[in-house]
Amino acid sequence: MIGLKQIRKRKGLNQQQVAIDLNISREALSYYENGKREPSLKMLIAMSNYFNVSIDYLITGKEFKDKNKNFPN
């Protein structure tokens, strides 16, 4: 979860504050950031809303790019 740590640091937040806001332990957040544990879909959505970024960004550190945008519907 490359983007999770990036966005947290960019917003100047520490793990403890984010964990409190998301109602999880600091240890769980640390595990998510370091790839030792994967968050549930519900938690991914909560983190996406909290940081106002896409789930793709949380996982890859990059925003989603529609590979089909050059093709007509």
C-alpha atoms as a PDB file:
ATOM      1  CA  MET A   1       0.000   0.000   0.000  1.00  0.00           C
ATOM      2  CA  ILE A   2       2.488   2.525  -1.300  1.00  0.00           C
ATOM      3  CA  GLY A   3       0.058   5.438  -1.537  1.00  0.00           C
ATOM      4  CA  LEU A   4      -1.321   5.079   1.986  1.00  0.00           C
ATOM      5  CA  LYS A   5       1.945   6.051   3.654  1.00  0.00           C
ATOM      6  CA  GLN A   6       2.604   8.742   1.015  1.00  0.00           C
ATOM      7  CA  ILE A   7      -0.733  10.494   1.466  1.00  0.00           C
ATOM      8  CA  ARG A   8      -0.590  10.275   5.257  1.00  0.00           C
ATOM      9  CA  LYS A   9       2.828  11.909   5.332  1.00  0.00           C
ATOM     10  CA  ARG A  10       1.914  14.475   2.672  1.00  0.00           C
ATOM     11  CA  LYS A  11      -1.050  15.572   4.790  1.00  0.00           C
ATOM     12  CA  GLY A  12       1.223  15.845   7.840  1.00  0.00           C
ATOM     13  CA  LEU A  13      -0.618  13.208   9.868  1.00  0.00           C
ATOM     14  CA  ASN A  14       0.908  10.658  12.204  1.00  0.00           C
ATOM     15  CA  GLN A  15      -0.190   7.032  12.369  1.00  0.00           C
ATOM     16  CA  GLN A  16      -1.853   7.467  15.748  1.00  0.00           C
ATOM     17  CA  GLN A  17      -4.134  10.284  14.579  1.00  0.00           C
ATOM     18  CA  VAL A  18      -5.188   8.447  11.406  1.00  0.00           C
ATOM     19  CA  ALA A  19      -5.792   5.245  13.366  1.00  0.00           C
ATOM     20  CA  ILE A  20      -8.005   7.083  15.859  1.00  0.00           C
ATOM     21  CA  ASP A  21      -9.954   8.766  13.055  1.00  0.00           C
ATOM     22  CA  LEU A  22     -10.460   5.437  11.238  1.00  0.00           C
ATOM     23  CA  ASN A  23     -11.247   3.587  14.472  1.00  0.00           C
ATOM     24  CA  ILE A  24      -8.415   1.065  14.073  1.00  0.00           C
ATOM     25  CA  SER A  25      -5.229   0.421  16.022  1.00  0.00           C
ATOM     26  CA  ARG A  26      -2.007   2.193  15.153  1.00  0.00           C
ATOM     27  CA  GLU A  27      -0.465  -1.244  14.690  1.00  0.00           C
ATOM     28  CA  ALA A  28      -3.098  -2.201  12.097  1.00  0.00           C
ATOM     29  CA  LEU A  29      -2.384   0.989  10.155  1.00  0.00           C
ATOM     30  CA  SER A  30       1.342   0.273  10.314  1.00  0.00           C
ATOM     31  CA  TYR A  31       0.745  -3.246   8.994  1.00  0.00           C
ATOM     32  CA  TYR A  32      -1.307  -1.834   6.104  1.00  0.00           C
ATOM     33  CA  GLU A  33       1.374   0.714   5.252  1.00  0.00           C
ATOM     34  CA  ASN A  34       4.146  -1.877   5.315  1.00  0.00           C
ATOM     35  CA  GLY A  35       2.298  -4.609   3.419  1.00  0.00           C
ATOM     36  CA  LYS A  36       2.150  -7.014   6.358  1.00  0.00           C
ATOM     37  CA  ARG A  37      -1.652  -7.061   6.301  1.00  0.00           C
ATOM     38  CA  GLU A  38      -4.267  -6.159   3.703  1.00  0.00           C
ATOM     39  CA  PRO A  39      -7.241  -3.997   4.667  1.00  0.00           C
ATOM     40  CA  SER A  40     -10.781  -5.130   3.945  1.00  0.00           C
ATOM     41  CA  LEU A  41     -12.707  -3.534   1.109  1.00  0.00           C
ATOM     42  CA  LYS A  42     -14.736  -1.635   3.726  1.00  0.00           C
ATOM     43  CA  MET A  43     -11.512  -0.243   5.227  1.00  0.00           C
ATOM     44  CA  LEU A  44     -10.124   0.655   1.782  1.00  0.00           C
ATOM     45  CA  ILE A  45     -13.282   2.648   1.097  1.00  0.00           C
ATOM     46  CA  ALA A  46     -13.043   4.368   4.494  1.00  0.00           C
ATOM     47  CA  MET A  47      -9.383   5.287   3.892  1.00  0.00           C
ATOM     48  CA  SER A  48     -10.175   6.485   0.366  1.00  0.00           C
ATOM     49  CA  ASN A  49     -12.904   8.767   1.721  1.00  0.00           C
ATOM     50  CA  TYR A  50     -10.758   9.923   4.650  1.00  0.00           C
ATOM     51  CA  PHE A  51      -7.838  10.991   2.437  1.00  0.00           C
ATOM     52  CA  ASN A  52     -10.025  11.945  -0.542  1.00  0.00           C
ATOM     53  CA  VAL A  53      -8.034   9.778  -2.960  1.00  0.00           C
ATOM     54  CA  SER A  54      -8.879   6.724  -5.034  1.00  0.00           C
ATOM     55  CA  ILE A  55      -8.372   3.193  -3.795  1.00  0.00           C
ATOM     56  CA  ASP A  56      -5.920   2.789  -6.683  1.00  0.00           C
ATOM     57  CA  TYR A  57      -3.861   5.629  -5.231  1.00  0.00           C
ATOM     58  CA  LEU A  58      -3.815   4.041  -1.779  1.00  0.00           C
ATOM     59  CA  ILE A  59      -2.534   0.771  -3.223  1.00  0.00           C
ATOM     60  CA  THR A  60      -0.162   1.916  -5.982  1.00  0.00           C
ATOM     61  CA  GLY A  61       0.641   5.540  -5.190  1.00  0.00           C
ATOM     62  CA  LYS A  62      -0.773   6.499  -8.627  1.00  0.00           C
ATOM     63  CA  GLU A  63      -4.222   7.620  -9.692  1.00  0.00           C
ATOM     64  CA  PHE A  64      -6.256   5.326 -11.931  1.00  0.00           C
ATOM     65  CA  LYS A  65      -5.867   5.948 -15.654  1.00  0.00           C
ATOM     66  CA  ASP A  66      -8.664   4.728 -17.872  1.00  0.00           C
ATOM     67  CA  LYS A  67      -6.952   2.638 -20.529  1.00  0.00           C
ATOM     68  CA  ASN A  68     -10.136   2.712 -22.607  1.00  0.00           C
ATOM     69  CA  LYS A  69     -10.615   6.469 -22.684  1.00  0.00           C
ATOM     70  CA  ASN A  70      -9.407   6.645 -26.303  1.00  0.00           C
ATOM     71  CA  PHE A  71     -12.028   4.175 -27.434  1.00  0.00           C
ATOM     72  CA  PRO A  72     -15.608   5.199 -28.249  1.00  0.00           C
ATOM     73  CA  ASN A  73     -18.444   3.731 -26.177  1.00  0.00           C
END
